Every structure is written in structure tokens, then in C-alpha cells.
N, C-alpha and C. Protein backbone atom coordinates (compact mmCIF):
# COMPACT_ATOMS: atom_id res chain seq x y z
N UNK A 1 15.67 7.76 13.70
CA UNK A 1 14.14 8.29 13.67
C UNK A 1 13.84 8.10 11.97
N UNK A 2 12.54 7.57 11.78
CA UNK A 2 12.09 7.44 10.45
C UNK A 2 11.70 8.87 9.51
N UNK A 3 12.44 8.89 8.58
CA UNK A 3 12.00 10.06 7.62
C UNK A 3 10.80 9.85 7.27
N UNK A 4 9.45 11.00 7.78
CA UNK A 4 8.22 10.51 6.53
C UNK A 4 8.48 11.56 5.71
N UNK A 5 7.35 11.36 5.10
CA UNK A 5 7.21 12.43 3.60
C UNK A 5 5.77 12.12 3.01
N UNK A 6 5.60 13.53 2.87
CA UNK A 6 3.66 13.45 2.76
C UNK A 6 3.49 12.75 1.33
N UNK A 7 2.69 12.31 0.94
CA UNK A 7 2.13 11.44 -0.21
C UNK A 7 0.95 11.56 -0.50
N UNK A 8 0.11 12.24 0.45
CA UNK A 8 -1.09 12.44 -0.39
C UNK A 8 -1.93 13.15 0.99
N UNK A 9 -3.12 13.89 0.48
CA UNK A 9 -3.99 14.84 1.41
C UNK A 9 -5.18 12.99 1.86
N UNK A 10 -5.17 13.04 3.42
CA UNK A 10 -6.08 12.12 3.57
C UNK A 10 -7.44 12.31 2.66
N UNK A 11 -7.75 13.48 2.30
CA UNK A 11 -9.39 13.42 1.54
C UNK A 11 -9.13 12.88 0.17
N UNK A 12 -7.94 12.72 -0.34
CA UNK A 12 -7.58 11.79 -1.76
C UNK A 12 -7.94 10.41 -2.24
N UNK A 13 -8.40 9.54 -0.78
CA UNK A 13 -8.50 8.32 -0.57
C UNK A 13 -9.58 8.06 -0.11
N UNK A 14 -10.76 7.65 -0.46
CA UNK A 14 -12.06 7.57 0.11
C UNK A 14 -11.95 6.14 0.69
N UNK A 15 -12.35 5.60 2.44
CA UNK A 15 -12.40 3.71 2.43
C UNK A 15 -12.47 2.81 1.06
N UNK A 16 -11.49 2.27 0.91
CA UNK A 16 -11.50 0.98 0.18
C UNK A 16 -10.81 1.48 -1.12
N UNK A 17 -10.20 2.67 -1.15
CA UNK A 17 -9.79 3.05 -2.25
C UNK A 17 -8.01 3.01 -2.13
N UNK A 18 -7.11 3.18 -3.34
CA UNK A 18 -5.70 3.35 -3.56
C UNK A 18 -5.32 3.92 -4.39
N UNK A 19 -4.04 4.32 -4.66
CA UNK A 19 -3.17 4.38 -5.70
C UNK A 19 -1.98 4.23 -5.00
N UNK A 20 -0.85 4.53 -6.16
CA UNK A 20 0.39 4.75 -6.42
C UNK A 20 0.81 6.08 -5.88
N UNK A 21 1.53 6.26 -5.16
CA UNK A 21 2.64 6.83 -4.93
C UNK A 21 4.22 6.81 -4.89
N UNK A 22 4.22 8.31 -4.85
CA UNK A 22 6.26 8.27 -4.90
C UNK A 22 6.99 8.40 -3.46
N UNK A 23 7.75 7.35 -2.61
CA UNK A 23 8.14 7.94 -1.53
C UNK A 23 9.94 8.35 -1.82
N UNK A 24 10.13 9.49 -2.18
CA UNK A 24 11.88 9.25 -2.30
C UNK A 24 12.45 8.59 -3.95
N UNK A 25 11.56 8.18 -4.68
CA UNK A 25 11.93 7.60 -5.62
C UNK A 25 11.68 6.16 -5.92
N UNK A 26 11.18 5.53 -5.27
CA UNK A 26 10.28 4.12 -4.81
C UNK A 26 8.44 4.34 -4.65
N UNK A 27 8.30 3.20 -5.32
CA UNK A 27 6.80 3.48 -5.88
C UNK A 27 6.19 2.70 -4.63
N UNK A 28 5.27 3.13 -4.48
CA UNK A 28 4.53 2.66 -2.81
C UNK A 28 3.07 2.54 -3.67
N UNK A 29 2.39 1.74 -3.03
CA UNK A 29 0.70 1.55 -3.27
C UNK A 29 0.01 1.92 -1.43
N UNK A 30 -0.31 2.99 -1.45
CA UNK A 30 -1.42 3.56 -0.37
C UNK A 30 -2.74 3.02 -0.68
N UNK A 31 -3.19 2.68 0.67
CA UNK A 31 -4.33 2.00 0.90
C UNK A 31 -5.31 2.31 1.97
N UNK A 32 -6.08 2.70 1.52
CA UNK A 32 -7.10 3.37 2.57
C UNK A 32 -8.13 2.63 2.83
N UNK A 33 -7.99 1.72 4.15
CA UNK A 33 -8.74 0.33 4.70
C UNK A 33 -9.78 0.85 6.02
N UNK A 34 -10.71 1.37 5.46
CA UNK A 34 -12.05 1.50 6.37
C UNK A 34 -11.71 2.55 7.75
N UNK A 35 -10.91 3.70 6.90
CA UNK A 35 -10.38 5.05 7.69
C UNK A 35 -8.91 4.50 7.86
N UNK A 36 -8.26 3.63 8.09
CA UNK A 36 -7.12 3.20 7.95
C UNK A 36 -5.76 3.34 7.21
N UNK A 37 -5.20 4.13 6.49
CA UNK A 37 -3.82 4.17 5.66
C UNK A 37 -2.75 3.14 5.96
N UNK A 38 -2.73 2.60 4.94
CA UNK A 38 -1.54 1.71 4.90
C UNK A 38 -0.67 1.63 3.46
N UNK A 39 0.45 0.88 3.80
CA UNK A 39 1.42 1.33 2.77
C UNK A 39 2.25 -0.15 2.57
N UNK A 40 2.04 -0.38 1.06
CA UNK A 40 3.20 -1.27 0.59
C UNK A 40 3.68 -1.50 -0.79
N UNK A 41 5.20 -2.12 -0.45
CA UNK A 41 5.91 -2.31 -1.49
C UNK A 41 5.29 -2.18 -2.84
N UNK A 42 4.88 -1.55 -4.17
CA UNK A 42 3.92 -1.59 -4.86
C UNK A 42 4.36 -2.39 -6.07
N UNK A 43 5.26 -3.24 -5.79
CA UNK A 43 5.89 -4.59 -7.05
C UNK A 43 5.32 -5.73 -6.58
N UNK A 44 4.84 -6.52 -7.33
CA UNK A 44 4.25 -7.23 -6.93
C UNK A 44 5.33 -8.43 -6.93
N UNK A 45 5.94 -9.48 -6.21
CA UNK A 45 6.70 -10.30 -6.07
C UNK A 45 6.94 -11.16 -7.35
N UNK A 46 5.90 -11.76 -7.67
CA UNK A 46 5.52 -12.51 -9.18
C UNK A 46 6.58 -12.03 -10.26
N UNK A 47 5.61 -10.89 -11.02
CA UNK A 47 6.49 -10.18 -11.93
C UNK A 47 6.45 -8.69 -12.19
N UNK A 48 6.18 -7.98 -11.23
CA UNK A 48 6.59 -7.02 -10.50
C UNK A 48 5.11 -6.22 -10.96
N UNK A 49 3.81 -6.90 -10.91
CA UNK A 49 2.43 -5.69 -11.42
C UNK A 49 2.37 -4.65 -10.37
N UNK A 50 1.85 -3.88 -10.88
CA UNK A 50 1.79 -2.66 -9.98
C UNK A 50 0.78 -2.82 -8.78
N UNK A 51 1.01 -3.30 -7.29
CA UNK A 51 -0.02 -3.80 -6.54
C UNK A 51 -1.34 -2.18 -6.39
N UNK A 52 -0.79 -1.26 -6.32
CA UNK A 52 -0.82 -0.18 -6.05
C UNK A 52 -1.98 0.78 -6.77
N UNK A 53 -2.31 -0.55 -7.98
CA UNK A 53 -3.56 -0.14 -8.80
C UNK A 53 -4.45 -1.51 -8.85
N UNK A 54 -4.64 -2.52 -7.77
CA UNK A 54 -4.81 -3.27 -7.47
C UNK A 54 -6.58 -3.39 -7.35
N UNK A 55 -7.54 -4.07 -6.90
CA UNK A 55 -8.53 -3.84 -6.41
C UNK A 55 -8.52 -4.97 -4.94
N UNK A 56 -8.90 -3.89 -4.09
CA UNK A 56 -9.11 -3.26 -2.78
C UNK A 56 -10.34 -4.87 -2.23
N UNK A 57 -10.05 -5.52 -2.12
CA UNK A 57 -11.27 -5.93 -1.14
C UNK A 57 -11.34 -6.11 0.65
N UNK A 58 -11.57 -5.43 1.23
CA UNK A 58 -11.12 -5.57 3.07
C UNK A 58 -10.06 -5.20 3.12
N UNK A 59 -9.35 -5.89 3.25
CA UNK A 59 -7.62 -5.65 3.31
C UNK A 59 -6.66 -6.44 3.01
N UNK A 60 -7.37 -7.30 1.29
CA UNK A 60 -6.35 -7.40 0.76
C UNK A 60 -6.75 -6.76 -0.99
N UNK A 61 -5.84 -6.84 -1.09
CA UNK A 61 -5.05 -6.40 -2.61
C UNK A 61 -4.88 -7.05 -3.70
N UNK A 62 -5.37 -7.49 -4.80
CA UNK A 62 -5.42 -8.52 -6.00
C UNK A 62 -4.46 -7.74 -7.03
N UNK A 63 -3.65 -8.39 -7.35
CA UNK A 63 -2.45 -7.76 -8.26
C UNK A 63 -3.68 -7.89 -9.56
N UNK A 64 -3.28 -6.29 -10.47
CA UNK A 64 -4.13 -6.44 -11.66
C UNK A 64 -3.54 -6.91 -12.80
N UNK A 65 -2.17 -7.72 -12.65
CA UNK A 65 -1.73 -8.34 -13.68
C UNK A 65 -1.90 -10.03 -13.86
N UNK A 66 -1.69 -10.53 -12.55
CA UNK A 66 -1.77 -12.07 -12.57
C UNK A 66 -2.45 -12.69 -11.47
N UNK A 67 -3.23 -11.74 -10.68
CA UNK A 67 -4.28 -12.53 -9.55
C UNK A 67 -3.61 -12.32 -8.20
N UNK A 68 -1.96 -12.17 -8.03
CA UNK A 68 -1.46 -12.82 -6.72
C UNK A 68 -2.48 -11.67 -5.56
N UNK A 69 -2.18 -12.20 -4.70
CA UNK A 69 -3.10 -11.19 -3.81
C UNK A 69 -2.25 -11.14 -1.92
N UNK A 70 -2.48 -9.99 -1.90
CA UNK A 70 -1.71 -9.37 -0.31
C UNK A 70 -2.29 -9.28 0.60
N UNK A 71 -2.14 -9.43 1.41
CA UNK A 71 -2.78 -8.17 2.66
C UNK A 71 -2.08 -7.02 3.15
N UNK A 72 -2.74 -6.14 2.35
CA UNK A 72 -1.95 -4.95 2.69
C UNK A 72 -1.54 -4.30 4.07
N UNK A 73 -2.03 -5.17 5.23
CA UNK A 73 -1.54 -4.38 6.68
C UNK A 73 -0.54 -5.54 7.19
N UNK A 74 -0.84 -6.77 5.98
CA UNK A 74 0.70 -7.31 7.01
C UNK A 74 2.08 -7.53 5.90
N UNK A 75 1.26 -7.70 4.58
CA UNK A 75 2.14 -7.92 3.38
C UNK A 75 2.24 -9.52 3.22
N UNK A 76 1.57 -9.90 3.79
CA UNK A 76 1.40 -11.86 3.48
C UNK A 76 0.10 -11.89 2.72
N UNK A 77 1.21 -12.60 1.76
CA UNK A 77 -0.35 -13.71 0.88
C UNK A 77 -1.39 -14.62 1.51
N UNK A 78 -2.65 -14.31 1.69
CA UNK A 78 -3.73 -15.29 2.15
C UNK A 78 -3.84 -16.88 1.49
N UNK A 79 -3.05 -16.45 -0.25
CA UNK A 79 -2.65 -17.81 -0.73
C UNK A 79 -1.89 -18.80 -0.31
N UNK A 80 -0.60 -17.60 -0.38
CA UNK A 80 0.78 -18.29 0.28
C UNK A 80 1.28 -18.19 0.81
N UNK A 81 1.37 -18.03 1.75
CA UNK A 81 1.92 -17.52 2.78
C UNK A 81 3.85 -17.20 2.75
N UNK A 82 4.57 -17.61 2.08
CA UNK A 82 5.10 -17.58 1.14
C UNK A 82 6.22 -16.16 0.98
N UNK A 83 4.77 -16.15 0.37
CA UNK A 83 4.52 -14.58 -0.41
C UNK A 83 4.67 -13.74 0.25
N UNK A 84 5.39 -12.50 0.12
CA UNK A 84 5.58 -11.16 0.98
C UNK A 84 5.74 -10.14 0.30
N UNK A 85 5.20 -8.66 0.38
CA UNK A 85 5.95 -7.68 0.33
C UNK A 85 6.27 -6.32 1.28
N UNK A 86 7.37 -5.96 1.59
CA UNK A 86 7.18 -4.74 2.21
C UNK A 86 5.89 -3.81 2.75
N UNK A 87 6.14 -3.96 3.91
CA UNK A 87 5.16 -2.91 4.28
C UNK A 87 5.66 -2.06 5.37
N UNK A 88 5.00 -0.22 5.14
CA UNK A 88 5.11 1.24 5.31
C UNK A 88 5.36 1.56 6.42
N UNK A 89 5.92 2.60 7.14
CA UNK A 89 5.10 3.06 8.55
C UNK A 89 3.88 4.63 8.07
N UNK A 90 2.63 4.24 8.88
CA UNK A 90 2.26 5.44 8.03
C UNK A 90 1.48 6.51 9.24
N UNK A 91 1.46 7.58 9.26
CA UNK A 91 1.01 8.84 9.70
C UNK A 91 0.43 9.16 9.20
N UNK A 92 -0.88 10.03 9.77
CA UNK A 92 -1.83 10.61 9.40
C UNK A 92 -1.67 12.26 10.31
N UNK A 93 -0.74 13.02 9.90
CA UNK A 93 -1.27 14.72 10.53
C UNK A 93 -2.08 15.74 9.74
N UNK A 94 -2.79 15.71 10.72
CA UNK A 94 -4.21 16.82 10.10
C UNK A 94 -4.25 16.62 8.72
N UNK A 95 -4.50 16.94 8.07
CA UNK A 95 -4.94 15.86 6.48
C UNK A 95 -3.92 15.76 5.73
N UNK A 96 -2.56 15.53 6.15
CA UNK A 96 -1.25 15.01 4.91
C UNK A 96 -1.06 13.89 6.06
N UNK A 97 -1.51 12.64 4.77
CA UNK A 97 -0.99 11.09 4.93
C UNK A 97 0.39 10.90 4.28
N UNK A 98 1.40 10.99 5.65
CA UNK A 98 2.92 10.62 5.78
C UNK A 98 3.40 9.04 5.18
N UNK A 99 4.44 8.68 4.81
CA UNK A 99 4.68 7.43 4.90
C UNK A 99 6.56 7.92 4.86
N UNK A 100 6.84 6.44 5.77
CA UNK A 100 7.88 6.27 5.96
C UNK A 100 8.88 4.94 5.58
N UNK A 101 9.44 4.53 4.26
CA UNK A 101 10.44 3.46 4.33
C UNK A 101 11.66 2.96 4.67
N UNK A 102 11.55 3.61 6.27
CA UNK A 102 12.58 2.94 7.23
C UNK A 102 11.65 1.88 7.54
């Protein structure tokens, strides 16, 4: 059974916003895509840039360091489909946003 950890209040991120959160020592990019919360590994596979600090347009985040892009719902790059980041389970309970790395 997944171990969910509270990482935010659902009011912390408006639609189109994102931030870096910590789940048991792992940095995770948390995104609000039109009211749906999604989470991916924060480290861009190119050079480790912080994806959770990138610019979110629709469901695609652009890494602030070198411009690599990833779909935050699938983890797959729309430009280079072989480039991927891990996606994590997210659930909302009341006002709490919870993420599981499992």
C-alpha cells in the first residue's frame, strides 16, 4: 500500500502554479494543472535542473536551466519521447495534498 505524505494545502497552488516539495528526503515537483494536482521527480535528466521551479504551460513544464520540457501528467518529453521523469501518485484529502513515491 502506498505511503502518502502531506506536502501542501490545496490552496497553496492555484491552477497553473507549481513548487518544489519534499517527500521523505526526495525533492518533488508539485503542479496544479487546471485543478488537478500532479507530481514528478524534481531533477531534470539533462543536468539535474529543478523542474518544480520551471514554467508550466498547460500540462508541460520547461526546465529553468536549459529548456528541456516534460508533460507533468506522463513524465514524457513532448520533444524527445525517450527523455522521461518519474511520476508520483497524488491524492487530495480535504485541504491536504498528499504524494506517494511508491
